[in-house]
Amino acid sequence: MADFLFVLRSDNNEKATRCFQFAKIAHSKGHGVNIFLIDDGVNWCLKDTDGSLKTITGDCPADYLPYLVDNKVPVGVCTPCAKNRSMDEADFHPNMKLDGGPHLIDMAAEGKVFNF
């Protein structure tokens, strides 16, 4: 099995939907999966972010994110990106934690990387 790293840098609903969808597919097939949120993508770490807006294909982030949370797929949240937006880990989904660039680079060195 392979290791995958999904990097989401946008709060765009369609990009988040695809990122979470492909991460779910990879995980359900038994692959190693990590997600890292940077830039505006950190907005998806918050439990109260509305993920119900449908994409043109009829799905949405809320169709996939609960699987990732329930299965404890690790999600790193860029520390300076979150802190500069006054975000607190207490408001994150339970599988998400503040993380930094050094760990992101280590994960990228070990896995196949998808950017959204």
Protein backbone atom coordinates (compact mmCIF):
# COMPACT_ATOMS: atom_id res chain seq x y z
CA MET A 1 0.00 0.00 0.00
CA ALA A 2 1.08 3.57 -0.65
CA ASP A 3 1.23 6.68 1.54
CA PHE A 4 -0.68 9.73 0.35
CA LEU A 5 -0.52 13.35 1.46
CA PHE A 6 -3.43 15.60 0.54
CA VAL A 7 -2.67 19.33 0.86
CA LEU A 8 -5.62 21.72 0.87
CA ARG A 9 -4.78 25.41 0.60
CA SER A 10 -8.19 26.80 -0.27
CA ASP A 11 -11.52 27.26 1.44
CA ASN A 12 -13.12 26.68 -1.97
CA ASN A 13 -15.98 24.21 -1.55
CA GLU A 14 -15.19 22.22 -4.70
CA LYS A 15 -11.49 21.84 -3.88
CA ALA A 16 -12.30 20.76 -0.32
CA THR A 17 -14.87 18.27 -1.59
CA ARG A 18 -12.37 16.61 -3.93
CA CYS A 19 -9.58 16.65 -1.36
CA PHE A 20 -11.74 14.96 1.27
CA GLN A 21 -13.29 12.58 -1.27
CA PHE A 22 -9.95 11.29 -2.55
CA ALA A 23 -8.54 11.07 0.97
CA LYS A 24 -11.56 8.97 1.98
CA ILE A 25 -11.15 6.70 -1.06
CA ALA A 26 -7.44 6.19 -0.39
CA HIS A 27 -8.03 5.46 3.29
CA SER A 28 -10.91 3.06 2.62
CA LYS A 29 -8.63 1.14 0.22
CA GLY A 30 -6.12 0.70 3.05
CA HIS A 31 -3.54 3.30 2.01
CA GLY A 32 -1.78 5.54 4.50
CA VAL A 33 -3.39 8.98 4.41
CA ASN A 34 -2.41 12.34 5.86
CA ILE A 35 -4.05 15.68 5.17
CA PHE A 36 -2.43 19.06 5.70
CA LEU A 37 -4.37 22.34 5.68
CA ILE A 38 -2.55 25.54 4.73
CA ASP A 39 -3.48 29.11 3.80
CA ASP A 40 -7.29 29.48 3.57
CA GLY A 41 -7.65 25.70 3.74
CA VAL A 42 -7.28 25.94 7.52
CA ASN A 43 -10.89 27.12 7.66
CA TRP A 44 -11.95 23.48 7.21
CA CYS A 45 -10.47 22.51 10.59
CA LEU A 46 -13.22 24.30 12.49
CA LYS A 47 -16.09 22.12 13.69
CA ASP A 48 -18.65 24.80 12.84
CA THR A 49 -17.59 25.28 9.20
CA ASP A 50 -20.56 24.60 6.93
CA GLY A 51 -19.63 21.78 4.57
CA SER A 52 -23.10 21.28 3.12
CA LEU A 53 -22.80 23.49 0.02
CA LYS A 54 -23.18 21.17 -2.97
CA THR A 55 -20.73 21.16 -5.86
CA ILE A 56 -21.79 20.92 -9.50
CA THR A 57 -21.56 17.12 -9.17
CA GLY A 58 -23.99 17.12 -6.24
CA ASP A 59 -21.61 16.20 -3.44
CA CYS A 60 -20.09 18.36 -0.73
CA PRO A 61 -17.35 18.31 1.93
CA ALA A 62 -19.86 17.06 4.50
CA ASP A 63 -20.27 13.88 2.45
CA TYR A 64 -16.64 12.90 3.18
CA LEU A 65 -15.32 14.84 6.18
CA PRO A 66 -17.24 12.84 8.82
CA TYR A 67 -15.58 9.63 7.58
CA LEU A 68 -12.15 11.23 7.98
CA VAL A 69 -13.00 12.46 11.48
CA ASP A 70 -14.60 9.17 12.59
CA ASN A 71 -11.65 7.15 11.26
CA LYS A 72 -9.14 9.51 12.88
CA VAL A 73 -7.34 10.27 9.62
CA PRO A 74 -4.60 12.67 10.75
CA VAL A 75 -4.98 16.26 9.63
CA GLY A 76 -2.25 18.79 10.26
CA VAL A 77 -3.24 22.44 10.44
CA CYS A 78 -0.57 25.00 9.57
CA THR A 79 0.24 26.69 12.87
CA PRO A 80 0.97 30.22 11.59
CA CYS A 81 -1.96 30.05 9.15
CA ALA A 82 -4.35 29.17 11.98
CA LYS A 83 -2.84 31.44 14.64
CA ASN A 84 -2.94 34.46 12.32
CA ARG A 85 -6.65 33.76 11.85
CA SER A 86 -7.13 33.57 15.66
CA MET A 87 -8.04 29.88 15.51
CA ASP A 88 -7.79 27.67 18.57
CA GLU A 89 -7.30 23.88 18.59
CA ALA A 90 -10.26 23.59 20.97
CA ASP A 91 -12.50 24.50 18.02
CA PHE A 92 -10.96 21.91 15.63
CA HIS A 93 -12.35 18.53 14.64
CA PRO A 94 -10.82 15.92 17.00
CA ASN A 95 -8.52 14.41 14.33
CA MET A 96 -6.96 17.79 13.53
CA LYS A 97 -4.05 19.48 15.28
CA LEU A 98 -1.66 22.34 14.78
CA ASP A 99 1.41 21.30 12.82
CA GLY A 100 4.33 22.87 11.01
CA GLY A 101 6.27 22.99 7.79
CA PRO A 102 9.02 20.57 8.87
CA HIS A 103 6.46 17.78 9.36
CA LEU A 104 4.75 18.66 6.07
CA ILE A 105 8.06 18.29 4.23
CA ASP A 106 8.77 14.96 5.95
CA MET A 107 5.36 13.62 4.92
CA ALA A 108 5.83 14.87 1.35
CA ALA A 109 9.19 13.12 1.16
CA GLU A 110 7.57 9.80 2.11
CA GLY A 111 4.32 9.92 0.13
CA LYS A 112 2.54 10.76 -3.05
CA VAL A 113 1.29 14.34 -2.83
CA PHE A 114 -2.01 15.75 -4.08
CA ASN A 115 -2.53 19.52 -3.94
CA PHE A 116 -5.91 21.22 -3.87
